[in-house]
Amino acid sequence: MATSQFSSASRGLNIVDRVFIAIDALATSVRQYYDYHRTVKVLSKLTARELDDLGLNSLNVESEARKLVYGN
């Protein structure tokens, strides 16, 4: 599905513009990947009390990190 969004967004652009758009999309994905894993690592180091202060627990660290980074 992302491919169709990319295709419709890039209509009328020359090949150089399309390459730059693809590189930008790749860079964004890599940045989000690292942000997600860094967020999980930091939250996983917190105590149960600290997580509770944030309204989290150890069972939902990954899903909350995913929401924060990817907006899902």
Protein backbone atom coordinates (compact mmCIF):
# COMPACT_ATOMS: atom_id res chain seq x y z
CA MET A 1 0.00 0.00 0.00
CA ALA A 2 2.86 2.38 0.72
CA THR A 3 4.09 1.80 -2.83
CA SER A 4 0.82 3.10 -4.30
CA GLN A 5 1.00 6.17 -2.07
CA PHE A 6 4.58 6.73 -3.19
CA SER A 7 3.61 6.30 -6.87
CA SER A 8 0.71 8.74 -6.72
CA ALA A 9 2.80 11.27 -4.80
CA SER A 10 5.62 11.14 -7.35
CA ARG A 11 3.59 11.59 -10.57
CA GLY A 12 4.96 14.33 -12.71
CA LEU A 13 8.38 14.29 -11.04
CA ASN A 14 11.57 13.50 -12.90
CA ILE A 15 13.76 10.55 -11.95
CA VAL A 16 16.18 12.66 -9.88
CA ASP A 17 13.34 14.02 -7.75
CA ARG A 18 11.98 10.50 -7.29
CA VAL A 19 15.38 9.25 -6.14
CA PHE A 20 15.68 12.07 -3.60
CA ILE A 21 12.16 11.32 -2.33
CA ALA A 22 13.05 7.64 -1.95
CA ILE A 23 16.30 8.46 -0.12
CA ASP A 24 14.43 10.82 2.21
CA ALA A 25 11.82 8.12 2.92
CA LEU A 26 14.58 5.61 3.66
CA ALA A 27 16.37 8.05 5.97
CA THR A 28 13.10 8.70 7.82
CA SER A 29 12.52 4.95 8.25
CA VAL A 30 16.03 4.38 9.58
CA ARG A 31 15.69 7.30 12.00
CA GLN A 32 12.36 5.96 13.27
CA TYR A 33 13.85 2.47 13.69
CA TYR A 34 16.66 3.81 15.87
CA ASP A 35 14.34 6.15 17.78
CA TYR A 36 12.02 3.23 18.57
CA HIS A 37 14.81 0.98 19.83
CA ARG A 38 16.44 3.79 21.83
CA THR A 39 13.07 4.64 23.42
CA VAL A 40 12.45 1.00 24.37
CA LYS A 41 15.96 0.74 25.82
CA VAL A 42 15.56 3.87 27.94
CA LEU A 43 12.07 2.97 29.17
CA SER A 44 13.17 -0.59 29.96
CA LYS A 45 15.82 0.76 32.35
CA LEU A 46 13.21 2.59 34.45
CA THR A 47 11.92 1.10 37.68
CA ALA A 48 8.31 0.02 38.09
CA ARG A 49 7.71 3.14 40.17
CA GLU A 50 9.16 5.44 37.51
CA LEU A 51 7.11 3.73 34.80
CA ASP A 52 4.01 4.07 36.96
CA ASP A 53 4.69 7.80 37.33
CA LEU A 54 4.59 7.98 33.53
CA GLY A 55 1.41 5.92 33.36
CA LEU A 56 3.25 2.91 31.94
CA ASN A 57 4.23 -0.56 33.03
CA SER A 58 6.83 -3.01 31.82
CA LEU A 59 4.26 -4.85 29.71
CA ASN A 60 3.36 -1.88 27.52
CA VAL A 61 6.77 -0.26 27.03
CA GLU A 62 7.12 -1.54 23.46
CA SER A 63 3.61 -0.60 22.36
CA GLU A 64 3.91 2.88 23.89
CA ALA A 65 7.31 3.39 22.24
CA ARG A 66 5.78 2.32 18.92
CA LYS A 67 2.94 4.84 19.35
CA LEU A 68 5.38 7.59 20.24
CA VAL A 69 7.76 7.00 17.34
CA TYR A 70 5.44 5.79 14.58
CA GLY A 71 2.21 7.41 15.70
CA ASN A 72 0.25 4.15 15.63
